[in-house]
Amino acid sequence: MKTSEFDYALPPELIAQRPAIRRDESRLLVIDRQNGNIDHRRFRDLPQYLRSGDILVQNESRVIPARLFARKPTGGQVEILLLRPRSDTVWEVLVGGKRVRKGLTLELLDGPDGAPCGSLAEVTEEGERGERVLAFQDPVLPLADRIGRTPLPPYIHTALEDIDRYQTIYARVPGSSAAPTAGLHFTPELLGKLEEMGVETAFVTLHIGLDTFRPVHEENLEDHSMHTEYCLLPPEAAIRVNRARAEGRRIVAVGTTSVRVLETAARSALEGEVVGAFEGPTNLFIYPGYEFRAVDALLTNFHLPRSTLLMLVSAFAGRELLLRAYEEAIARRYRFYSFGDAMLVV
C-alpha cells in the first residue's frame, strides 16, 4: 500500500492545544464496523457502548520527564529526548543540536538555560535523524526526575498548567516519552461506573518512544521499519484476556499501544489461548491486511496523517470507513491529536 493513501487535510485550528476542562467531557465518535454507522456522543457516554463482561485493556505506562538539556564543550546548548533504555545509565535518545558526534561529552543542565547540575553524558553511538546513544554518569530516571521536563508533542504550542493532565489517572510504570492518549479521557468516577456494570480491567505496559513523533516517510508501507518499544503483558493480564475470549466476552483495547501489546503477545500464545504472557521488545507494525487475533473493540484518539497509528486504526476499522469518519469529525469540528477527542470502534 502507498503511504499517500493515509493522508488527509486537517485545519490547524482543530489541533487541540489544551485538554478538555474535565477529562470525560471530550467528544466520542463511535464507529460500527458491521453497518458503517457513525454516532456522535461524549466520552462520559462510553458505558452505553460497553457491557458486563467486557475487559478493558489499559496501558499503565507513565510519561517521564524525558526532555533534558545539556551544553557542549564549545558552549552550545543541545536538547535531549530520552527514548529507550539499554541499562540504568545508557539510553537511546533523540538529540537536537549541531555536531553532536561520537565521543563528545555533554554537561547536563538544570533545565533550559539552567546551571550545570553536576552530571555528564558521553555520546557513544550515532544514528540517523538525530538519534544517539548516551552513556550517563548517573542513573537516568532519578536524574530526569531532578532536572528533566515533561515533553509535549511538537504540535502543542501552549504551555500546560497542570502537567498531570498529560498522564492517565492509572499511570504507574515510568518509561514513556509520550502519553498513551486514549486513556487520558478516563476519570475515577467513570472507571467506577464501568466496574459496577461488570466491566473488567487488565493492565499492560508499552513505553512509547520514537515512532510516536514521526510520520512514515517511505512511499510504500512495506518499506517502513518500526523502532522497537518495550512492552509487557503480565501473566495475570494474560489469564484475564484468555478467560474473556473463552467465555465469548469482548476484549476492548484502550489505545493503539494496548493493541500492539495484545497482538504481540498473541504471537506467543499456546494452543487454546489468544495471548501468552510476554515481556520484551516489539516492533510490530500493523496496517491494512493485518489479521487481528486479540482485539474486539478499540478506543483511540484522532491521529496524524501518514502515521503508523492511523494505519493501525485503519487496519481495524477499514481504511475507507475510517477516513470517512475523519472527514465527518473535521466537518463537525472535533478536536484532534493528544489533547483532542476520542473514537470508539466496535
C-alpha atoms as a PDB file:
ATOM      1  CA  MET A   1       0.000   0.000   0.000  1.00  0.00           C
ATOM      2  CA  LYS A   2       1.009   3.596  -0.538  1.00  0.00           C
ATOM      3  CA  THR A   3       1.614   5.942   2.373  1.00  0.00           C
ATOM      4  CA  SER A   4      -0.317   8.622   0.482  1.00  0.00           C
ATOM      5  CA  GLU A   5      -3.487   6.544   0.990  1.00  0.00           C
ATOM      6  CA  PHE A   6      -3.372   7.566   4.663  1.00  0.00           C
ATOM      7  CA  ASP A   7      -3.213  11.310   4.165  1.00  0.00           C
ATOM      8  CA  TYR A   8      -5.890  13.861   4.982  1.00  0.00           C
ATOM      9  CA  ALA A   9      -6.098  17.638   5.342  1.00  0.00           C
ATOM     10  CA  LEU A  10      -6.654  18.955   8.861  1.00  0.00           C
ATOM     11  CA  PRO A  11      -7.343  22.641   9.577  1.00  0.00           C
ATOM     12  CA  PRO A  12      -4.634  23.693  12.068  1.00  0.00           C
ATOM     13  CA  GLU A  13      -7.190  25.203  14.445  1.00  0.00           C
ATOM     14  CA  LEU A  14      -8.564  21.703  15.129  1.00  0.00           C
ATOM     15  CA  ILE A  15      -5.307  20.573  16.751  1.00  0.00           C
ATOM     16  CA  ALA A  16      -6.194  20.672  20.443  1.00  0.00           C
ATOM     17  CA  GLN A  17      -3.774  22.821  22.415  1.00  0.00           C
ATOM     18  CA  ARG A  18      -5.311  22.128  25.825  1.00  0.00           C
ATOM     19  CA  PRO A  19      -7.148  19.181  27.340  1.00  0.00           C
ATOM     20  CA  ALA A  20     -10.874  19.385  27.988  1.00  0.00           C
ATOM     21  CA  ILE A  21     -11.783  21.065  31.268  1.00  0.00           C
ATOM     22  CA  ARG A  22     -12.966  17.693  32.544  1.00  0.00           C
ATOM     23  CA  ARG A  23     -11.429  14.533  31.109  1.00  0.00           C
ATOM     24  CA  ASP A  24     -14.695  12.794  30.233  1.00  0.00           C
ATOM     25  CA  GLU A  25     -16.191  15.895  28.599  1.00  0.00           C
ATOM     26  CA  SER A  26     -14.323  15.097  25.398  1.00  0.00           C
ATOM     27  CA  ARG A  27     -16.452  14.129  22.440  1.00  0.00           C
ATOM     28  CA  LEU A  28     -16.678  10.489  21.386  1.00  0.00           C
ATOM     29  CA  LEU A  29     -17.151   9.398  17.787  1.00  0.00           C
ATOM     30  CA  VAL A  30     -18.435   5.815  17.599  1.00  0.00           C
ATOM     31  CA  ILE A  31     -17.886   3.656  14.514  1.00  0.00           C
ATOM     32  CA  ASP A  32     -19.832   0.440  13.994  1.00  0.00           C
ATOM     33  CA  ARG A  33     -17.722  -1.716  11.685  1.00  0.00           C
ATOM     34  CA  GLN A  34     -20.633  -4.031  10.848  1.00  0.00           C
ATOM     35  CA  ASN A  35     -23.016  -1.481   9.373  1.00  0.00           C
ATOM     36  CA  GLY A  36     -20.760   1.556   8.866  1.00  0.00           C
ATOM     37  CA  ASN A  37     -22.835   3.763  11.164  1.00  0.00           C
ATOM     38  CA  ILE A  38     -21.182   6.721  12.885  1.00  0.00           C
ATOM     39  CA  ASP A  39     -22.549   8.174  16.133  1.00  0.00           C
ATOM     40  CA  HIS A  40     -21.515  11.359  17.928  1.00  0.00           C
ATOM     41  CA  ARG A  41     -21.520  11.310  21.719  1.00  0.00           C
ATOM     42  CA  ARG A  42     -19.500  12.403  24.772  1.00  0.00           C
ATOM     43  CA  PHE A  43     -16.851  10.262  26.395  1.00  0.00           C
ATOM     44  CA  ARG A  44     -18.948  10.027  29.534  1.00  0.00           C
ATOM     45  CA  ASP A  45     -21.454   8.068  27.376  1.00  0.00           C
ATOM     46  CA  LEU A  46     -18.931   5.236  26.943  1.00  0.00           C
ATOM     47  CA  PRO A  47     -20.823   2.900  29.361  1.00  0.00           C
ATOM     48  CA  GLN A  48     -23.705   2.832  26.876  1.00  0.00           C
ATOM     49  CA  TYR A  49     -21.437   1.072  24.366  1.00  0.00           C
ATOM     50  CA  LEU A  50     -19.854  -1.407  26.774  1.00  0.00           C
ATOM     51  CA  ARG A  51     -21.475  -4.323  28.538  1.00  0.00           C
ATOM     52  CA  SER A  52     -20.939  -6.537  31.542  1.00  0.00           C
ATOM     53  CA  GLY A  53     -18.072  -8.920  30.909  1.00  0.00           C
ATOM     54  CA  ASP A  54     -16.143  -6.690  28.528  1.00  0.00           C
ATOM     55  CA  ILE A  55     -12.493  -6.419  29.505  1.00  0.00           C
ATOM     56  CA  LEU A  56     -10.751  -3.066  29.120  1.00  0.00           C
ATOM     57  CA  VAL A  57      -7.035  -3.458  28.434  1.00  0.00           C
ATOM     58  CA  GLN A  58      -5.217  -0.288  29.510  1.00  0.00           C
ATOM     59  CA  ASN A  59      -1.599   0.806  29.177  1.00  0.00           C
ATOM     60  CA  GLU A  60      -0.311   1.907  32.589  1.00  0.00           C
ATOM     61  CA  SER A  61       2.944   3.403  31.271  1.00  0.00           C
ATOM     62  CA  ARG A  62       3.795   6.751  32.836  1.00  0.00           C
ATOM     63  CA  VAL A  63       5.392   9.662  30.982  1.00  0.00           C
ATOM     64  CA  ILE A  64       8.795  10.529  32.413  1.00  0.00           C
ATOM     65  CA  PRO A  65      10.448  13.980  32.384  1.00  0.00           C
ATOM     66  CA  ALA A  66      12.243  12.840  29.237  1.00  0.00           C
ATOM     67  CA  ARG A  67      13.292  16.265  27.946  1.00  0.00           C
ATOM     68  CA  LEU A  68      16.804  17.107  29.136  1.00  0.00           C
ATOM     69  CA  PHE A  69      19.142  19.987  28.361  1.00  0.00           C
ATOM     70  CA  ALA A  70      22.915  19.942  28.070  1.00  0.00           C
ATOM     71  CA  ARG A  71      25.874  22.026  26.980  1.00  0.00           C
ATOM     72  CA  LYS A  72      28.711  21.076  24.640  1.00  0.00           C
ATOM     73  CA  PRO A  73      32.343  21.915  25.475  1.00  0.00           C
ATOM     74  CA  THR A  74      32.067  24.781  22.968  1.00  0.00           C
ATOM     75  CA  GLY A  75      29.198  26.275  24.970  1.00  0.00           C
ATOM     76  CA  GLY A  76      26.407  25.407  22.522  1.00  0.00           C
ATOM     77  CA  GLN A  77      23.239  24.031  24.066  1.00  0.00           C
ATOM     78  CA  VAL A  78      21.564  20.814  22.963  1.00  0.00           C
ATOM     79  CA  GLU A  79      18.218  19.260  23.804  1.00  0.00           C
ATOM     80  CA  ILE A  80      17.900  15.559  24.591  1.00  0.00           C
ATOM     81  CA  LEU A  81      14.764  13.425  24.369  1.00  0.00           C
ATOM     82  CA  LEU A  82      15.028  10.102  26.188  1.00  0.00           C
ATOM     83  CA  LEU A  83      13.667   7.245  24.092  1.00  0.00           C
ATOM     84  CA  ARG A  84      14.678   3.762  25.250  1.00  0.00           C
ATOM     85  CA  PRO A  85      16.962   2.442  27.991  1.00  0.00           C
ATOM     86  CA  ARG A  86      19.718  -0.061  27.370  1.00  0.00           C
ATOM     87  CA  SER A  87      20.613  -0.002  31.044  1.00  0.00           C
ATOM     88  CA  ASP A  88      20.132   2.304  34.025  1.00  0.00           C
ATOM     89  CA  THR A  89      22.786   4.657  32.665  1.00  0.00           C
ATOM     90  CA  VAL A  90      22.781   4.038  28.879  1.00  0.00           C
ATOM     91  CA  TRP A  91      19.870   5.329  26.804  1.00  0.00           C
ATOM     92  CA  GLU A  92      18.915   5.721  23.182  1.00  0.00           C
ATOM     93  CA  VAL A  93      17.961   9.358  22.712  1.00  0.00           C
ATOM     94  CA  LEU A  94      16.985  11.963  20.148  1.00  0.00           C
ATOM     95  CA  VAL A  95      19.332  14.969  20.165  1.00  0.00           C
ATOM     96  CA  GLY A  96      18.539  18.443  18.873  1.00  0.00           C
ATOM     97  CA  GLY A  97      21.710  20.372  18.177  1.00  0.00           C
ATOM     98  CA  LYS A  98      24.570  20.552  15.681  1.00  0.00           C
ATOM     99  CA  ARG A  99      27.748  18.467  15.619  1.00  0.00           C
ATOM    100  CA  VAL A 100      26.876  16.138  18.476  1.00  0.00           C
ATOM    101  CA  ARG A 101      29.383  13.469  17.491  1.00  0.00           C
ATOM    102  CA  LYS A 102      30.535  10.180  18.960  1.00  0.00           C
ATOM    103  CA  GLY A 103      32.978  10.764  21.808  1.00  0.00           C
ATOM    104  CA  LEU A 104      31.567  14.170  22.721  1.00  0.00           C
ATOM    105  CA  THR A 105      30.947  14.779  26.439  1.00  0.00           C
ATOM    106  CA  LEU A 106      27.867  16.796  27.344  1.00  0.00           C
ATOM    107  CA  GLU A 107      27.393  18.740  30.560  1.00  0.00           C
ATOM    108  CA  LEU A 108      23.819  18.331  31.777  1.00  0.00           C
ATOM    109  CA  LEU A 109      21.903  21.421  32.851  1.00  0.00           C
ATOM    110  CA  ASP A 110      19.155  22.050  35.372  1.00  0.00           C
ATOM    111  CA  GLY A 111      16.518  22.962  32.788  1.00  0.00           C
ATOM    112  CA  PRO A 112      16.773  25.139  29.658  1.00  0.00           C
ATOM    113  CA  ASP A 113      19.496  27.761  30.098  1.00  0.00           C
ATOM    114  CA  GLY A 114      19.975  26.391  33.629  1.00  0.00           C
ATOM    115  CA  ALA A 115      23.131  25.939  35.612  1.00  0.00           C
ATOM    116  CA  PRO A 116      25.201  22.713  35.355  1.00  0.00           C
ATOM    117  CA  CYS A 117      23.694  20.001  37.544  1.00  0.00           C
ATOM    118  CA  GLY A 118      26.978  18.200  38.197  1.00  0.00           C
ATOM    119  CA  SER A 119      26.395  15.265  35.853  1.00  0.00           C
ATOM    120  CA  LEU A 120      27.813  14.367  32.424  1.00  0.00           C
ATOM    121  CA  ALA A 121      26.863  12.182  29.453  1.00  0.00           C
ATOM    122  CA  GLU A 122      29.044  10.856  26.630  1.00  0.00           C
ATOM    123  CA  VAL A 123      27.878  10.180  23.083  1.00  0.00           C
ATOM    124  CA  THR A 124      28.800   6.544  22.389  1.00  0.00           C
ATOM    125  CA  GLU A 125      26.907   5.909  19.127  1.00  0.00           C
ATOM    126  CA  GLU A 126      25.477   7.970  16.265  1.00  0.00           C
ATOM    127  CA  GLY A 127      22.337   7.166  14.294  1.00  0.00           C
ATOM    128  CA  GLU A 128      20.223   8.859  11.659  1.00  0.00           C
ATOM    129  CA  ARG A 129      17.919  11.855  12.123  1.00  0.00           C
ATOM    130  CA  GLY A 130      19.349  12.921  15.455  1.00  0.00           C
ATOM    131  CA  GLU A 131      19.393   9.510  17.113  1.00  0.00           C
ATOM    132  CA  ARG A 132      22.260   8.939  19.540  1.00  0.00           C
ATOM    133  CA  VAL A 133      23.231   6.626  22.369  1.00  0.00           C
ATOM    134  CA  LEU A 134      24.348   8.384  25.541  1.00  0.00           C
ATOM    135  CA  ALA A 135      26.248   6.910  28.470  1.00  0.00           C
ATOM    136  CA  PHE A 136      25.242   8.929  31.517  1.00  0.00           C
ATOM    137  CA  GLN A 137      27.361   9.425  34.588  1.00  0.00           C
ATOM    138  CA  ASP A 138      24.361   8.769  36.848  1.00  0.00           C
ATOM    139  CA  PRO A 139      21.223   6.571  36.708  1.00  0.00           C
ATOM    140  CA  VAL A 140      18.922   8.265  34.230  1.00  0.00           C
ATOM    141  CA  LEU A 141      15.439   8.038  35.721  1.00  0.00           C
ATOM    142  CA  PRO A 142      16.323   9.676  39.069  1.00  0.00           C
ATOM    143  CA  LEU A 143      18.349  12.256  37.140  1.00  0.00           C
ATOM    144  CA  ALA A 144      15.410  13.027  34.835  1.00  0.00           C
ATOM    145  CA  ASP A 145      13.103  13.416  37.829  1.00  0.00           C
ATOM    146  CA  ARG A 146      15.501  16.038  39.168  1.00  0.00           C
ATOM    147  CA  ILE A 147      16.383  18.064  36.054  1.00  0.00           C
ATOM    148  CA  GLY A 148      14.069  16.929  33.250  1.00  0.00           C
ATOM    149  CA  ARG A 149      10.907  18.397  31.771  1.00  0.00           C
ATOM    150  CA  THR A 150       7.867  16.504  30.530  1.00  0.00           C
ATOM    151  CA  PRO A 151       7.917  16.586  26.717  1.00  0.00           C
ATOM    152  CA  LEU A 152       4.774  17.588  24.889  1.00  0.00           C
ATOM    153  CA  PRO A 153       4.264  16.711  21.204  1.00  0.00           C
ATOM    154  CA  PRO A 154       5.664  19.290  18.767  1.00  0.00           C
ATOM    155  CA  TYR A 155       2.186  20.275  17.534  1.00  0.00           C
ATOM    156  CA  ILE A 156       1.237  21.558  21.011  1.00  0.00           C
ATOM    157  CA  HIS A 157       2.402  25.164  21.364  1.00  0.00           C
ATOM    158  CA  THR A 158       0.595  26.126  24.564  1.00  0.00           C
ATOM    159  CA  ALA A 159       2.194  25.530  27.961  1.00  0.00           C
ATOM    160  CA  LEU A 160       0.290  23.039  30.101  1.00  0.00           C
ATOM    161  CA  GLU A 161      -0.576  24.450  33.520  1.00  0.00           C
ATOM    162  CA  ASP A 162      -1.227  21.068  35.127  1.00  0.00           C
ATOM    163  CA  ILE A 163       1.305  18.570  33.785  1.00  0.00           C
ATOM    164  CA  ASP A 164      -0.642  15.697  35.367  1.00  0.00           C
ATOM    165  CA  ARG A 165      -3.230  16.190  32.620  1.00  0.00           C
ATOM    166  CA  TYR A 166      -0.658  14.568  30.326  1.00  0.00           C
ATOM    167  CA  GLN A 167      -0.827  11.407  32.440  1.00  0.00           C
ATOM    168  CA  THR A 168      -3.619   8.868  32.630  1.00  0.00           C
ATOM    169  CA  ILE A 169      -5.126   8.533  36.100  1.00  0.00           C
ATOM    170  CA  TYR A 170      -3.818   4.942  36.241  1.00  0.00           C
ATOM    171  CA  ALA A 171      -0.251   5.655  35.021  1.00  0.00           C
ATOM    172  CA  ARG A 172       2.118   3.748  37.294  1.00  0.00           C
ATOM    173  CA  VAL A 173       5.134   2.407  35.384  1.00  0.00           C
ATOM    174  CA  PRO A 174       7.606   5.157  34.354  1.00  0.00           C
ATOM    175  CA  GLY A 175       9.179   4.926  30.916  1.00  0.00           C
ATOM    176  CA  SER A 176       7.246   6.714  28.143  1.00  0.00           C
ATOM    177  CA  SER A 177       8.311   9.767  26.164  1.00  0.00           C
ATOM    178  CA  ALA A 178       4.653  10.478  25.294  1.00  0.00           C
ATOM    179  CA  ALA A 179       1.320   9.686  26.899  1.00  0.00           C
ATOM    180  CA  PRO A 180      -0.964   6.820  25.809  1.00  0.00           C
ATOM    181  CA  THR A 181      -3.562   9.438  24.983  1.00  0.00           C
ATOM    182  CA  ALA A 182      -6.667   7.264  24.599  1.00  0.00           C
ATOM    183  CA  GLY A 183      -6.590   6.751  28.350  1.00  0.00           C
ATOM    184  CA  LEU A 184      -6.484  10.469  29.163  1.00  0.00           C
ATOM    185  CA  HIS A 185     -10.286  10.673  28.990  1.00  0.00           C
ATOM    186  CA  PHE A 186     -10.987   8.370  31.936  1.00  0.00           C
ATOM    187  CA  THR A 187     -11.962   9.708  35.354  1.00  0.00           C
ATOM    188  CA  PRO A 188     -12.127   7.745  38.620  1.00  0.00           C
ATOM    189  CA  GLU A 189     -15.902   8.141  38.551  1.00  0.00           C
ATOM    190  CA  LEU A 190     -16.208   6.726  35.040  1.00  0.00           C
ATOM    191  CA  LEU A 191     -13.971   3.759  35.832  1.00  0.00           C
ATOM    192  CA  GLY A 192     -16.016   3.157  38.966  1.00  0.00           C
ATOM    193  CA  LYS A 193     -19.239   3.149  36.960  1.00  0.00           C
ATOM    194  CA  LEU A 194     -17.788   0.655  34.487  1.00  0.00           C
ATOM    195  CA  GLU A 195     -16.691  -1.594  37.336  1.00  0.00           C
ATOM    196  CA  GLU A 196     -20.199  -1.501  38.807  1.00  0.00           C
ATOM    197  CA  MET A 197     -21.506  -2.575  35.372  1.00  0.00           C
ATOM    198  CA  GLY A 198     -19.271  -5.639  35.460  1.00  0.00           C
ATOM    199  CA  VAL A 199     -16.632  -4.359  33.011  1.00  0.00           C
ATOM    200  CA  GLU A 200     -13.257  -5.893  33.884  1.00  0.00           C
ATOM    201  CA  THR A 201      -9.841  -4.253  33.601  1.00  0.00           C
ATOM    202  CA  ALA A 202      -6.418  -5.622  32.720  1.00  0.00           C
ATOM    203  CA  PHE A 203      -3.255  -3.557  32.699  1.00  0.00           C
ATOM    204  CA  VAL A 204      -0.374  -3.830  30.243  1.00  0.00           C
ATOM    205  CA  THR A 205       2.700  -1.687  29.633  1.00  0.00           C
ATOM    206  CA  LEU A 206       4.153  -0.240  26.461  1.00  0.00           C
ATOM    207  CA  HIS A 207       6.682   2.555  26.808  1.00  0.00           C
ATOM    208  CA  ILE A 208       6.063   4.960  23.939  1.00  0.00           C
ATOM    209  CA  GLY A 209       9.146   6.062  22.050  1.00  0.00           C
ATOM    210  CA  LEU A 210      10.382   7.432  18.759  1.00  0.00           C
ATOM    211  CA  ASP A 211       7.699   6.352  16.279  1.00  0.00           C
ATOM    212  CA  THR A 212       5.090   8.457  18.050  1.00  0.00           C
ATOM    213  CA  PHE A 213       6.937  11.563  16.818  1.00  0.00           C
ATOM    214  CA  ARG A 214       7.465  10.538  13.215  1.00  0.00           C
ATOM    215  CA  PRO A 215       5.287  10.172  10.134  1.00  0.00           C
ATOM    216  CA  VAL A 216       6.061   7.399   7.687  1.00  0.00           C
ATOM    217  CA  HIS A 217       8.439   8.743   5.030  1.00  0.00           C
ATOM    218  CA  GLU A 218       8.656   5.675   2.789  1.00  0.00           C
ATOM    219  CA  GLU A 219       6.406   5.641  -0.264  1.00  0.00           C
ATOM    220  CA  ASN A 220       5.424   2.010   0.310  1.00  0.00           C
ATOM    221  CA  LEU A 221       4.219   0.949   3.760  1.00  0.00           C
ATOM    222  CA  GLU A 222       6.062  -2.340   3.494  1.00  0.00           C
ATOM    223  CA  ASP A 223       9.372  -0.455   3.407  1.00  0.00           C
ATOM    224  CA  HIS A 224       8.805   1.241   6.772  1.00  0.00           C
ATOM    225  CA  SER A 225      10.713  -0.160   9.728  1.00  0.00           C
ATOM    226  CA  MET A 226       9.260   0.301  13.210  1.00  0.00           C
ATOM    227  CA  HIS A 227      11.559   1.078  16.107  1.00  0.00           C
ATOM    228  CA  THR A 228      11.323  -1.341  18.987  1.00  0.00           C
ATOM    229  CA  GLU A 229       9.478  -0.401  22.161  1.00  0.00           C
ATOM    230  CA  TYR A 230       9.362  -2.245  25.472  1.00  0.00           C
ATOM    231  CA  CYS A 231       6.078  -3.974  26.218  1.00  0.00           C
ATOM    232  CA  LEU A 232       4.707  -6.204  28.949  1.00  0.00           C
ATOM    233  CA  LEU A 233       1.637  -8.402  29.194  1.00  0.00           C
ATOM    234  CA  PRO A 234       1.808  -9.821  32.736  1.00  0.00           C
ATOM    235  CA  PRO A 235       0.648 -13.409  33.411  1.00  0.00           C
ATOM    236  CA  GLU A 236      -2.367 -12.164  35.387  1.00  0.00           C
ATOM    237  CA  ALA A 237      -3.490  -9.981  32.476  1.00  0.00           C
ATOM    238  CA  ALA A 238      -2.990 -12.867  30.036  1.00  0.00           C
ATOM    239  CA  ILE A 239      -5.212 -15.086  32.198  1.00  0.00           C
ATOM    240  CA  ARG A 240      -7.950 -12.431  32.265  1.00  0.00           C
ATOM    241  CA  VAL A 241      -7.805 -11.879  28.499  1.00  0.00           C
ATOM    242  CA  ASN A 242      -7.799 -15.600  27.690  1.00  0.00           C
ATOM    243  CA  ARG A 243     -10.713 -16.226  30.048  1.00  0.00           C
ATOM    244  CA  ALA A 244     -12.711 -13.401  28.470  1.00  0.00           C
ATOM    245  CA  ARG A 245     -12.224 -14.736  24.949  1.00  0.00           C
ATOM    246  CA  ALA A 246     -13.013 -18.308  26.023  1.00  0.00           C
ATOM    247  CA  GLU A 247     -16.287 -17.077  27.530  1.00  0.00           C
ATOM    248  CA  GLY A 248     -17.214 -15.067  24.442  1.00  0.00           C
ATOM    249  CA  ARG A 249     -16.648 -11.680  26.084  1.00  0.00           C
ATOM    250  CA  ARG A 250     -15.149  -8.712  24.241  1.00  0.00           C
ATOM    251  CA  ILE A 251     -11.539  -7.575  24.559  1.00  0.00           C
ATOM    252  CA  VAL A 252     -11.554  -3.770  24.351  1.00  0.00           C
ATOM    253  CA  ALA A 253      -8.134  -2.198  23.785  1.00  0.00           C
ATOM    254  CA  VAL A 254      -7.679   1.289  25.206  1.00  0.00           C
ATOM    255  CA  GLY A 255      -5.303   2.875  22.715  1.00  0.00           C
ATOM    256  CA  THR A 256      -3.103   1.690  19.895  1.00  0.00           C
ATOM    257  CA  THR A 257      -0.356   0.849  22.397  1.00  0.00           C
ATOM    258  CA  SER A 258      -2.594  -1.689  24.112  1.00  0.00           C
ATOM    259  CA  VAL A 259      -3.396  -3.146  20.690  1.00  0.00           C
ATOM    260  CA  ARG A 260       0.288  -3.624  19.942  1.00  0.00           C
ATOM    261  CA  VAL A 261       0.903  -5.326  23.291  1.00  0.00           C
ATOM    262  CA  LEU A 262      -2.041  -7.682  22.821  1.00  0.00           C
ATOM    263  CA  GLU A 263      -1.202  -8.550  19.235  1.00  0.00           C
ATOM    264  CA  THR A 264       2.481  -9.018  20.081  1.00  0.00           C
ATOM    265  CA  ALA A 265       1.503 -11.337  22.919  1.00  0.00           C
ATOM    266  CA  ALA A 266      -0.848 -13.219  20.595  1.00  0.00           C
ATOM    267  CA  ARG A 267       2.177 -14.396  18.640  1.00  0.00           C
ATOM    268  CA  SER A 268       3.422 -16.309  21.684  1.00  0.00           C
ATOM    269  CA  ALA A 269       0.056 -17.835  22.611  1.00  0.00           C
ATOM    270  CA  LEU A 270      -0.189 -21.574  23.164  1.00  0.00           C
ATOM    271  CA  GLU A 271      -2.912 -23.716  21.634  1.00  0.00           C
ATOM    272  CA  GLY A 272      -6.268 -22.725  23.078  1.00  0.00           C
ATOM    273  CA  GLU A 273      -5.028 -19.270  24.138  1.00  0.00           C
ATOM    274  CA  VAL A 274      -5.474 -15.897  22.490  1.00  0.00           C
ATOM    275  CA  VAL A 275      -2.404 -14.375  24.151  1.00  0.00           C
ATOM    276  CA  GLY A 276       0.600 -15.577  26.106  1.00  0.00           C
ATOM    277  CA  ALA A 277       2.317 -13.668  28.872  1.00  0.00           C
ATOM    278  CA  PHE A 278       5.045 -11.573  27.253  1.00  0.00           C
ATOM    279  CA  GLU A 279       7.827  -9.193  28.204  1.00  0.00           C
ATOM    280  CA  GLY A 280      10.315  -7.737  25.768  1.00  0.00           C
ATOM    281  CA  PRO A 281      10.713  -5.518  22.727  1.00  0.00           C
ATOM    282  CA  THR A 282       8.134  -5.207  19.991  1.00  0.00           C
ATOM    283  CA  ASN A 283       8.426  -3.703  16.530  1.00  0.00           C
ATOM    284  CA  LEU A 284       5.025  -4.908  15.360  1.00  0.00           C
ATOM    285  CA  PHE A 285       3.770  -2.703  12.518  1.00  0.00           C
ATOM    286  CA  ILE A 286       0.028  -3.074  11.947  1.00  0.00           C
ATOM    287  CA  TYR A 287      -1.519  -1.785   8.741  1.00  0.00           C
ATOM    288  CA  PRO A 288      -4.444  -2.855   6.491  1.00  0.00           C
ATOM    289  CA  GLY A 289      -4.310  -6.532   5.683  1.00  0.00           C
ATOM    290  CA  TYR A 290      -3.300  -7.451   9.222  1.00  0.00           C
ATOM    291  CA  GLU A 291      -5.491 -10.112  10.858  1.00  0.00           C
ATOM    292  CA  PHE A 292      -6.297  -9.225  14.451  1.00  0.00           C
ATOM    293  CA  ARG A 293      -6.252 -12.073  16.937  1.00  0.00           C
ATOM    294  CA  ALA A 294      -6.758 -10.424  20.324  1.00  0.00           C
ATOM    295  CA  VAL A 295      -8.830  -7.240  19.914  1.00  0.00           C
ATOM    296  CA  ASP A 296     -12.608  -6.973  19.526  1.00  0.00           C
ATOM    297  CA  ALA A 297     -13.071  -3.214  20.024  1.00  0.00           C
ATOM    298  CA  LEU A 298     -10.743  -0.232  20.085  1.00  0.00           C
ATOM    299  CA  LEU A 299     -10.840   3.066  21.929  1.00  0.00           C
ATOM    300  CA  THR A 300      -8.450   5.626  20.468  1.00  0.00           C
ATOM    301  CA  ASN A 301      -7.833   9.291  19.650  1.00  0.00           C
ATOM    302  CA  PHE A 302      -7.548  11.000  16.252  1.00  0.00           C
ATOM    303  CA  HIS A 303      -4.093  10.532  14.753  1.00  0.00           C
ATOM    304  CA  LEU A 304      -1.699  12.381  12.479  1.00  0.00           C
ATOM    305  CA  PRO A 305      -1.778  11.850   8.711  1.00  0.00           C
ATOM    306  CA  ARG A 306       0.640   9.207   7.410  1.00  0.00           C
ATOM    307  CA  SER A 307       1.320   7.965  10.948  1.00  0.00           C
ATOM    308  CA  THR A 308       1.666   4.320  11.950  1.00  0.00           C
ATOM    309  CA  LEU A 309      -1.134   4.941  14.465  1.00  0.00           C
ATOM    310  CA  LEU A 310      -3.571   5.979  11.730  1.00  0.00           C
ATOM    311  CA  MET A 311      -2.553   2.902   9.749  1.00  0.00           C
ATOM    312  CA  LEU A 312      -3.215   0.633  12.729  1.00  0.00           C
ATOM    313  CA  VAL A 313      -6.717   2.041  13.260  1.00  0.00           C
ATOM    314  CA  SER A 314      -7.328   1.769   9.511  1.00  0.00           C
ATOM    315  CA  ALA A 315      -6.446  -1.900   9.692  1.00  0.00           C
ATOM    316  CA  PHE A 316      -9.016  -2.395  12.442  1.00  0.00           C
ATOM    317  CA  ALA A 317     -11.853  -0.192  11.201  1.00  0.00           C
ATOM    318  CA  GLY A 318     -11.245  -0.355   7.467  1.00  0.00           C
ATOM    319  CA  ARG A 319      -9.412   2.461   5.691  1.00  0.00           C
ATOM    320  CA  GLU A 320     -12.357   3.888   3.749  1.00  0.00           C
ATOM    321  CA  LEU A 321     -14.707   3.840   6.738  1.00  0.00           C
ATOM    322  CA  LEU A 322     -12.088   5.408   8.983  1.00  0.00           C
ATOM    323  CA  LEU A 323     -11.253   8.213   6.576  1.00  0.00           C
ATOM    324  CA  ARG A 324     -14.975   8.883   6.128  1.00  0.00           C
ATOM    325  CA  ALA A 325     -15.251   9.160   9.902  1.00  0.00           C
ATOM    326  CA  TYR A 326     -12.302  11.574   9.938  1.00  0.00           C
ATOM    327  CA  GLU A 327     -13.989  13.720   7.283  1.00  0.00           C
ATOM    328  CA  GLU A 328     -17.143  13.822   9.390  1.00  0.00           C
ATOM    329  CA  ALA A 329     -15.144  14.646  12.530  1.00  0.00           C
ATOM    330  CA  ILE A 330     -13.452  17.543  10.740  1.00  0.00           C
ATOM    331  CA  ALA A 331     -16.795  18.823   9.435  1.00  0.00           C
ATOM    332  CA  ARG A 332     -18.204  18.686  12.982  1.00  0.00           C
ATOM    333  CA  ARG A 333     -15.133  20.435  14.404  1.00  0.00           C
ATOM    334  CA  TYR A 334     -13.816  17.650  16.582  1.00  0.00           C
ATOM    335  CA  ARG A 335     -10.557  18.325  18.418  1.00  0.00           C
ATOM    336  CA  PHE A 336      -7.593  16.289  17.168  1.00  0.00           C
ATOM    337  CA  TYR A 337      -4.444  14.587  18.485  1.00  0.00           C
ATOM    338  CA  SER A 338      -3.123  14.177  22.032  1.00  0.00           C
ATOM    339  CA  PHE A 339      -5.493  16.544  23.885  1.00  0.00           C
ATOM    340  CA  GLY A 340      -8.305  16.019  21.423  1.00  0.00           C
ATOM    341  CA  ASP A 341     -11.456  13.946  21.283  1.00  0.00           C
ATOM    342  CA  ALA A 342     -11.850  10.174  21.217  1.00  0.00           C
ATOM    343  CA  MET A 343     -13.122   7.440  18.925  1.00  0.00           C
ATOM    344  CA  LEU A 344     -14.610   4.040  19.723  1.00  0.00           C
ATOM    345  CA  VAL A 345     -14.521   1.364  17.045  1.00  0.00           C
ATOM    346  CA  VAL A 346     -16.794  -1.614  17.729  1.00  0.00           C
END
